[in-house]
Amino acid sequence: MKKIMLVAAHPDDELLGSAGTLLFYKKKGYNIKIIFLSDGESSRNISENKKKFLIKKRKSQAKKISKLCKFTEPAFAEFPDNRLDTIPMLTIVKFVENEIKKFKPTIIITHNENDLNIDHKLTFKAVVTATRPSTKTFVKSIYCFETPSSTENNFSKIKVNFNPNLYFDISKFIDQKIKLLKIYKDEIKSYPHSRSLEGIKVLAKYRGTQIGVKYAEAFYILRELY
């Protein structure tokens, strides 16, 4: 069975950027596993007990989504939220390498390297480092997804726009994507925020217009070896 591993910084990133594509691949018979590096909650300015509650809740939501989609049980590194830069890169890379060795994916999907969020940037770096050529964890295909409210918000003098070269028609899966996103209800914002349900559909429509379909998800092919 062909396998896909999605390496995300936080629970909810996997749906924001790739839910329709994961459902597309699942329908084609792929085995899918999601790896989360950060807990997604510990950077909040709240009590420690509240943080623990929210981390547990977010983890439970991520597990529920994988179960509903019939993915493999997800893995959680539980590194601190928005503080991956405080963790030695070697520690992060070794976690990713270990998951690759166990699951043996044929494709890895992860963040765009120029996202505004520091955890996204370092997740990308860890994946690239873990899958470098001539290693036992080398993976032939790596695709990078965009994350609403992070990818487009990285304003810079240097051109770092997300320029996709791979699209998936998710017209049959857009309703399911929106339904799944509602599970992460605390992470969904009000329109016109780009991480609102309407904003996410608008992005999918826009990507669809680029390729001539109703709804699409877009990726950048980092590596593809045949």
C-alpha atoms as a PDB file:
ATOM      1  CA  MET A   1       0.000   0.000   0.000  1.00  0.00           C
ATOM      2  CA  LYS A   2       1.250   3.470  -0.874  1.00  0.00           C
ATOM      3  CA  LYS A   3       1.685   5.726   2.128  1.00  0.00           C
ATOM      4  CA  ILE A   4       1.550   9.460   2.762  1.00  0.00           C
ATOM      5  CA  MET A   5       2.892  11.182   5.851  1.00  0.00           C
ATOM      6  CA  LEU A   6       1.840  14.746   6.579  1.00  0.00           C
ATOM      7  CA  VAL A   7       4.148  16.550   9.000  1.00  0.00           C
ATOM      8  CA  ALA A   8       2.362  19.530  10.561  1.00  0.00           C
ATOM      9  CA  ALA A   9       3.407  22.025  13.181  1.00  0.00           C
ATOM     10  CA  HIS A  10       0.018  22.174  14.937  1.00  0.00           C
ATOM     11  CA  PRO A  11      -3.264  20.260  15.020  1.00  0.00           C
ATOM     12  CA  ASP A  12      -5.501  22.077  12.498  1.00  0.00           C
ATOM     13  CA  ASP A  13      -2.716  22.825   9.980  1.00  0.00           C
ATOM     14  CA  GLU A  14      -3.301  19.459   8.327  1.00  0.00           C
ATOM     15  CA  LEU A  15      -6.882  20.383   7.456  1.00  0.00           C
ATOM     16  CA  LEU A  16      -6.302  24.027   6.588  1.00  0.00           C
ATOM     17  CA  GLY A  17      -3.779  23.217   3.890  1.00  0.00           C
ATOM     18  CA  SER A  18      -4.442  19.669   2.802  1.00  0.00           C
ATOM     19  CA  ALA A  19      -7.759  18.175   3.968  1.00  0.00           C
ATOM     20  CA  GLY A  20      -9.204  17.797   0.472  1.00  0.00           C
ATOM     21  CA  THR A  21      -5.982  16.335  -0.888  1.00  0.00           C
ATOM     22  CA  LEU A  22      -5.713  13.820   1.947  1.00  0.00           C
ATOM     23  CA  LEU A  23      -9.300  12.738   1.295  1.00  0.00           C
ATOM     24  CA  PHE A  24      -8.489  12.498  -2.435  1.00  0.00           C
ATOM     25  CA  TYR A  25      -5.542  10.193  -1.731  1.00  0.00           C
ATOM     26  CA  LYS A  26      -7.489   8.170   0.823  1.00  0.00           C
ATOM     27  CA  LYS A  27     -10.161   7.437  -1.773  1.00  0.00           C
ATOM     28  CA  LYS A  28      -7.398   6.127  -4.032  1.00  0.00           C
ATOM     29  CA  GLY A  29      -6.368   3.640  -1.350  1.00  0.00           C
ATOM     30  CA  TYR A  30      -3.410   5.396   0.255  1.00  0.00           C
ATOM     31  CA  ASN A  31      -2.557   4.839   3.909  1.00  0.00           C
ATOM     32  CA  ILE A  32      -2.197   8.255   5.580  1.00  0.00           C
ATOM     33  CA  LYS A  33      -0.554   9.284   8.836  1.00  0.00           C
ATOM     34  CA  ILE A  34      -0.258  12.750  10.343  1.00  0.00           C
ATOM     35  CA  ILE A  35       2.630  13.849  12.551  1.00  0.00           C
ATOM     36  CA  PHE A  36       2.222  16.893  14.817  1.00  0.00           C
ATOM     37  CA  LEU A  37       5.346  18.564  16.180  1.00  0.00           C
ATOM     38  CA  SER A  38       3.892  21.265  18.462  1.00  0.00           C
ATOM     39  CA  ASP A  39       1.100  21.029  21.035  1.00  0.00           C
ATOM     40  CA  GLY A  40      -0.605  24.077  19.498  1.00  0.00           C
ATOM     41  CA  GLU A  41      -1.669  25.622  22.805  1.00  0.00           C
ATOM     42  CA  SER A  42       1.176  26.199  25.280  1.00  0.00           C
ATOM     43  CA  SER A  43       2.013  29.715  24.024  1.00  0.00           C
ATOM     44  CA  ARG A  44      -1.303  31.070  25.302  1.00  0.00           C
ATOM     45  CA  ASN A  45      -1.240  33.511  28.223  1.00  0.00           C
ATOM     46  CA  ILE A  46      -3.405  31.390  30.518  1.00  0.00           C
ATOM     47  CA  SER A  47      -2.964  29.208  33.595  1.00  0.00           C
ATOM     48  CA  GLU A  48      -0.971  25.987  33.375  1.00  0.00           C
ATOM     49  CA  ASN A  49      -4.049  23.912  34.190  1.00  0.00           C
ATOM     50  CA  LYS A  50      -5.982  25.571  31.379  1.00  0.00           C
ATOM     51  CA  LYS A  51      -3.081  24.969  28.996  1.00  0.00           C
ATOM     52  CA  LYS A  52      -3.008  21.274  29.888  1.00  0.00           C
ATOM     53  CA  PHE A  53      -6.751  21.061  29.313  1.00  0.00           C
ATOM     54  CA  LEU A  54      -6.521  22.739  25.895  1.00  0.00           C
ATOM     55  CA  ILE A  55      -3.530  20.626  24.807  1.00  0.00           C
ATOM     56  CA  LYS A  56      -5.444  17.474  25.697  1.00  0.00           C
ATOM     57  CA  LYS A  57      -8.551  18.779  23.916  1.00  0.00           C
ATOM     58  CA  ARG A  58      -6.636  19.673  20.742  1.00  0.00           C
ATOM     59  CA  LYS A  59      -4.943  16.275  20.727  1.00  0.00           C
ATOM     60  CA  SER A  60      -8.314  14.575  21.104  1.00  0.00           C
ATOM     61  CA  GLN A  61      -9.707  16.610  18.190  1.00  0.00           C
ATOM     62  CA  ALA A  62      -6.785  15.593  15.967  1.00  0.00           C
ATOM     63  CA  LYS A  63      -7.291  11.927  16.851  1.00  0.00           C
ATOM     64  CA  LYS A  64     -11.010  12.211  16.109  1.00  0.00           C
ATOM     65  CA  ILE A  65     -10.311  13.650  12.674  1.00  0.00           C
ATOM     66  CA  SER A  66      -7.871  10.866  11.771  1.00  0.00           C
ATOM     67  CA  LYS A  67     -10.388   8.301  12.976  1.00  0.00           C
ATOM     68  CA  LEU A  68     -13.249   9.832  10.985  1.00  0.00           C
ATOM     69  CA  CYS A  69     -11.071   9.929   7.861  1.00  0.00           C
ATOM     70  CA  LYS A  70      -9.805   6.376   8.501  1.00  0.00           C
ATOM     71  CA  PHE A  71      -6.199   7.523   8.665  1.00  0.00           C
ATOM     72  CA  THR A  72      -3.540   5.778  10.746  1.00  0.00           C
ATOM     73  CA  GLU A  73      -3.317   6.892  14.389  1.00  0.00           C
ATOM     74  CA  PRO A  74      -1.485  10.252  14.437  1.00  0.00           C
ATOM     75  CA  ALA A  75       1.764  10.894  16.325  1.00  0.00           C
ATOM     76  CA  PHE A  76       2.456  13.835  18.632  1.00  0.00           C
ATOM     77  CA  ALA A  77       5.886  15.198  19.544  1.00  0.00           C
ATOM     78  CA  GLU A  78       4.295  17.732  21.937  1.00  0.00           C
ATOM     79  CA  PHE A  79       7.042  20.318  21.531  1.00  0.00           C
ATOM     80  CA  PRO A  80       6.075  23.794  22.865  1.00  0.00           C
ATOM     81  CA  ASP A  81       3.771  25.901  20.734  1.00  0.00           C
ATOM     82  CA  ASN A  82       5.386  28.740  18.752  1.00  0.00           C
ATOM     83  CA  ARG A  83       8.688  27.858  20.385  1.00  0.00           C
ATOM     84  CA  LEU A  84      10.170  25.186  18.170  1.00  0.00           C
ATOM     85  CA  ASP A  85      13.159  27.511  17.929  1.00  0.00           C
ATOM     86  CA  THR A  86      13.876  26.678  21.591  1.00  0.00           C
ATOM     87  CA  ILE A  87      14.214  22.960  20.789  1.00  0.00           C
ATOM     88  CA  PRO A  88      17.496  21.673  19.312  1.00  0.00           C
ATOM     89  CA  MET A  89      16.939  21.036  15.604  1.00  0.00           C
ATOM     90  CA  LEU A  90      18.592  17.637  16.024  1.00  0.00           C
ATOM     91  CA  THR A  91      15.870  16.634  18.501  1.00  0.00           C
ATOM     92  CA  ILE A  92      13.112  17.615  16.069  1.00  0.00           C
ATOM     93  CA  VAL A  93      14.825  15.929  13.130  1.00  0.00           C
ATOM     94  CA  LYS A  94      15.324  12.695  15.044  1.00  0.00           C
ATOM     95  CA  PHE A  95      11.629  12.606  15.930  1.00  0.00           C
ATOM     96  CA  VAL A  96      10.702  13.026  12.262  1.00  0.00           C
ATOM     97  CA  GLU A  97      13.294  10.448  11.166  1.00  0.00           C
ATOM     98  CA  ASN A  98      11.960   7.919  13.649  1.00  0.00           C
ATOM     99  CA  GLU A  99       8.394   8.356  12.386  1.00  0.00           C
ATOM    100  CA  ILE A 100       9.553   7.973   8.781  1.00  0.00           C
ATOM    101  CA  LYS A 101      11.422   4.779   9.623  1.00  0.00           C
ATOM    102  CA  LYS A 102       8.333   3.301  11.261  1.00  0.00           C
ATOM    103  CA  PHE A 103       5.760   4.355   8.646  1.00  0.00           C
ATOM    104  CA  LYS A 104       7.873   4.303   5.459  1.00  0.00           C
ATOM    105  CA  PRO A 105       5.915   6.914   3.459  1.00  0.00           C
ATOM    106  CA  THR A 106       6.176   7.281  -0.302  1.00  0.00           C
ATOM    107  CA  ILE A 107       5.109  10.943  -0.152  1.00  0.00           C
ATOM    108  CA  ILE A 108       5.598  13.555   2.555  1.00  0.00           C
ATOM    109  CA  ILE A 109       3.438  16.669   2.754  1.00  0.00           C
ATOM    110  CA  THR A 110       4.530  19.570   4.951  1.00  0.00           C
ATOM    111  CA  HIS A 111       4.576  23.338   5.411  1.00  0.00           C
ATOM    112  CA  ASN A 112       5.800  26.031   3.059  1.00  0.00           C
ATOM    113  CA  GLU A 113       9.283  27.236   4.030  1.00  0.00           C
ATOM    114  CA  ASN A 114       8.338  30.935   3.873  1.00  0.00           C
ATOM    115  CA  ASP A 115       5.353  30.887   6.216  1.00  0.00           C
ATOM    116  CA  LEU A 116       5.194  33.635   8.821  1.00  0.00           C
ATOM    117  CA  ASN A 117       4.789  31.191  11.699  1.00  0.00           C
ATOM    118  CA  ILE A 118       8.142  30.108  13.165  1.00  0.00           C
ATOM    119  CA  ASP A 119       6.882  26.578  13.897  1.00  0.00           C
ATOM    120  CA  HIS A 120       5.911  26.166  10.242  1.00  0.00           C
ATOM    121  CA  LYS A 121       9.359  27.267   9.076  1.00  0.00           C
ATOM    122  CA  LEU A 122      11.138  24.879  11.412  1.00  0.00           C
ATOM    123  CA  THR A 123       8.809  21.997  10.578  1.00  0.00           C
ATOM    124  CA  PHE A 124       9.755  22.460   6.937  1.00  0.00           C
ATOM    125  CA  LYS A 125      13.459  22.559   7.828  1.00  0.00           C
ATOM    126  CA  ALA A 126      13.188  19.437   9.975  1.00  0.00           C
ATOM    127  CA  VAL A 127      11.476  17.494   7.177  1.00  0.00           C
ATOM    128  CA  VAL A 128      14.051  18.533   4.586  1.00  0.00           C
ATOM    129  CA  THR A 129      16.889  17.636   6.954  1.00  0.00           C
ATOM    130  CA  ALA A 130      15.347  14.310   7.928  1.00  0.00           C
ATOM    131  CA  THR A 131      14.825  13.288   4.288  1.00  0.00           C
ATOM    132  CA  ARG A 132      18.106  14.453   2.783  1.00  0.00           C
ATOM    133  CA  PRO A 133      19.501  12.270  -0.021  1.00  0.00           C
ATOM    134  CA  SER A 134      21.711   9.263   0.746  1.00  0.00           C
ATOM    135  CA  THR A 135      20.011   8.607   4.090  1.00  0.00           C
ATOM    136  CA  LYS A 136      17.801   5.707   5.173  1.00  0.00           C
ATOM    137  CA  THR A 137      14.927   8.175   5.559  1.00  0.00           C
ATOM    138  CA  PHE A 138      15.173   9.632   2.046  1.00  0.00           C
ATOM    139  CA  VAL A 139      11.696  10.140   0.536  1.00  0.00           C
ATOM    140  CA  LYS A 140      11.286  10.700  -3.193  1.00  0.00           C
ATOM    141  CA  SER A 141       8.300  13.069  -3.081  1.00  0.00           C
ATOM    142  CA  ILE A 142       7.817  16.134  -0.864  1.00  0.00           C
ATOM    143  CA  TYR A 143       4.946  18.581  -1.351  1.00  0.00           C
ATOM    144  CA  CYS A 144       4.522  21.869   0.543  1.00  0.00           C
ATOM    145  CA  PHE A 145       1.088  23.261   1.364  1.00  0.00           C
ATOM    146  CA  GLU A 146      -0.121  26.772   2.133  1.00  0.00           C
ATOM    147  CA  THR A 147      -1.679  27.642   5.478  1.00  0.00           C
ATOM    148  CA  PRO A 148      -4.302  30.412   5.561  1.00  0.00           C
ATOM    149  CA  SER A 149      -3.264  33.270   7.892  1.00  0.00           C
ATOM    150  CA  SER A 150       0.401  32.256   7.799  1.00  0.00           C
ATOM    151  CA  THR A 151       1.498  31.779   4.180  1.00  0.00           C
ATOM    152  CA  GLU A 152      -0.121  34.922   2.777  1.00  0.00           C
ATOM    153  CA  ASN A 153       0.743  37.075   5.804  1.00  0.00           C
ATOM    154  CA  ASN A 154       4.510  36.947   5.383  1.00  0.00           C
ATOM    155  CA  PHE A 155       4.927  40.445   3.968  1.00  0.00           C
ATOM    156  CA  SER A 156       8.517  41.061   3.013  1.00  0.00           C
ATOM    157  CA  LYS A 157      10.772  43.122   0.766  1.00  0.00           C
ATOM    158  CA  ILE A 158      12.029  39.853  -0.623  1.00  0.00           C
ATOM    159  CA  LYS A 159       9.610  38.023  -2.891  1.00  0.00           C
ATOM    160  CA  VAL A 160       8.506  35.005  -0.904  1.00  0.00           C
ATOM    161  CA  ASN A 161       5.101  34.463  -2.483  1.00  0.00           C
ATOM    162  CA  PHE A 162       3.679  30.951  -2.528  1.00  0.00           C
ATOM    163  CA  ASN A 163       3.941  29.874  -6.171  1.00  0.00           C
ATOM    164  CA  PRO A 164       2.224  26.486  -6.523  1.00  0.00           C
ATOM    165  CA  ASN A 165       3.063  24.020  -9.263  1.00  0.00           C
ATOM    166  CA  LEU A 166       0.803  21.173  -8.137  1.00  0.00           C
ATOM    167  CA  TYR A 167      -2.985  21.254  -7.771  1.00  0.00           C
ATOM    168  CA  PHE A 168      -5.599  18.789  -6.552  1.00  0.00           C
ATOM    169  CA  ASP A 169      -9.234  19.066  -7.581  1.00  0.00           C
ATOM    170  CA  ILE A 170     -11.077  18.906  -4.244  1.00  0.00           C
ATOM    171  CA  SER A 171     -14.518  19.825  -5.578  1.00  0.00           C
ATOM    172  CA  LYS A 172     -15.901  16.494  -4.320  1.00  0.00           C
ATOM    173  CA  PHE A 173     -14.305  16.977  -0.898  1.00  0.00           C
ATOM    174  CA  ILE A 174     -14.800  20.667  -0.076  1.00  0.00           C
ATOM    175  CA  ASP A 175     -17.949  20.082   2.000  1.00  0.00           C
ATOM    176  CA  GLN A 176     -16.233  17.339   3.985  1.00  0.00           C
ATOM    177  CA  LYS A 177     -13.213  19.608   4.512  1.00  0.00           C
ATOM    178  CA  ILE A 178     -15.424  22.334   5.979  1.00  0.00           C
ATOM    179  CA  LYS A 179     -17.232  19.803   8.173  1.00  0.00           C
ATOM    180  CA  LEU A 180     -13.934  18.464   9.524  1.00  0.00           C
ATOM    181  CA  LEU A 181     -12.603  21.964  10.194  1.00  0.00           C
ATOM    182  CA  LYS A 182     -15.578  22.605  12.488  1.00  0.00           C
ATOM    183  CA  ILE A 183     -14.076  20.050  14.875  1.00  0.00           C
ATOM    184  CA  TYR A 184     -11.292  22.569  15.522  1.00  0.00           C
ATOM    185  CA  LYS A 185     -13.977  25.180  16.289  1.00  0.00           C
ATOM    186  CA  ASP A 186     -11.786  27.218  18.645  1.00  0.00           C
ATOM    187  CA  GLU A 187      -9.260  27.774  15.828  1.00  0.00           C
ATOM    188  CA  ILE A 188     -11.801  28.983  13.286  1.00  0.00           C
ATOM    189  CA  LYS A 189     -12.168  32.751  12.998  1.00  0.00           C
ATOM    190  CA  SER A 190     -14.948  35.017  11.744  1.00  0.00           C
ATOM    191  CA  TYR A 191     -15.019  36.229   8.150  1.00  0.00           C
ATOM    192  CA  PRO A 192     -13.172  38.083   6.619  1.00  0.00           C
ATOM    193  CA  HIS A 193     -10.314  36.356   8.462  1.00  0.00           C
ATOM    194  CA  SER A 194      -8.498  33.999   6.074  1.00  0.00           C
ATOM    195  CA  ARG A 195      -8.903  31.198   8.619  1.00  0.00           C
ATOM    196  CA  SER A 196     -12.680  31.520   8.623  1.00  0.00           C
ATOM    197  CA  LEU A 197     -14.730  28.787   6.960  1.00  0.00           C
ATOM    198  CA  GLU A 198     -15.782  31.213   4.241  1.00  0.00           C
ATOM    199  CA  GLY A 199     -12.205  32.421   3.794  1.00  0.00           C
ATOM    200  CA  ILE A 200     -10.987  28.855   3.380  1.00  0.00           C
ATOM    201  CA  LYS A 201     -13.629  28.208   0.710  1.00  0.00           C
ATOM    202  CA  VAL A 202     -12.681  31.449  -1.043  1.00  0.00           C
ATOM    203  CA  LEU A 203      -9.042  30.303  -1.209  1.00  0.00           C
ATOM    204  CA  ALA A 204     -10.119  26.919  -2.588  1.00  0.00           C
ATOM    205  CA  LYS A 205     -12.251  28.691  -5.198  1.00  0.00           C
ATOM    206  CA  TYR A 206      -9.345  30.937  -6.146  1.00  0.00           C
ATOM    207  CA  ARG A 207      -6.992  27.983  -6.540  1.00  0.00           C
ATOM    208  CA  GLY A 208      -9.714  26.288  -8.558  1.00  0.00           C
ATOM    209  CA  THR A 209      -9.914  29.217 -10.975  1.00  0.00           C
ATOM    210  CA  GLN A 210      -6.177  28.874 -11.597  1.00  0.00           C
ATOM    211  CA  ILE A 211      -6.616  25.337 -12.834  1.00  0.00           C
ATOM    212  CA  GLY A 212     -10.172  25.324 -14.230  1.00  0.00           C
ATOM    213  CA  VAL A 213     -12.080  23.478 -11.489  1.00  0.00           C
ATOM    214  CA  LYS A 214     -14.563  24.597  -8.823  1.00  0.00           C
ATOM    215  CA  TYR A 215     -12.314  24.022  -5.809  1.00  0.00           C
ATOM    216  CA  ALA A 216      -8.654  23.115  -5.511  1.00  0.00           C
ATOM    217  CA  GLU A 217      -5.781  22.872  -3.056  1.00  0.00           C
ATOM    218  CA  ALA A 218      -2.378  24.055  -4.218  1.00  0.00           C
ATOM    219  CA  PHE A 219       1.115  22.817  -3.377  1.00  0.00           C
ATOM    220  CA  TYR A 220       4.713  23.464  -4.243  1.00  0.00           C
ATOM    221  CA  ILE A 221       6.643  20.397  -5.328  1.00  0.00           C
ATOM    222  CA  LEU A 222       9.850  20.531  -3.354  1.00  0.00           C
ATOM    223  CA  ARG A 223      11.113  17.234  -4.699  1.00  0.00           C
ATOM    224  CA  GLU A 224       9.855  14.564  -7.078  1.00  0.00           C
ATOM    225  CA  LEU A 225      12.173  11.721  -8.056  1.00  0.00           C
ATOM    226  CA  TYR A 226      11.125   9.116 -10.598  1.00  0.00           C
END
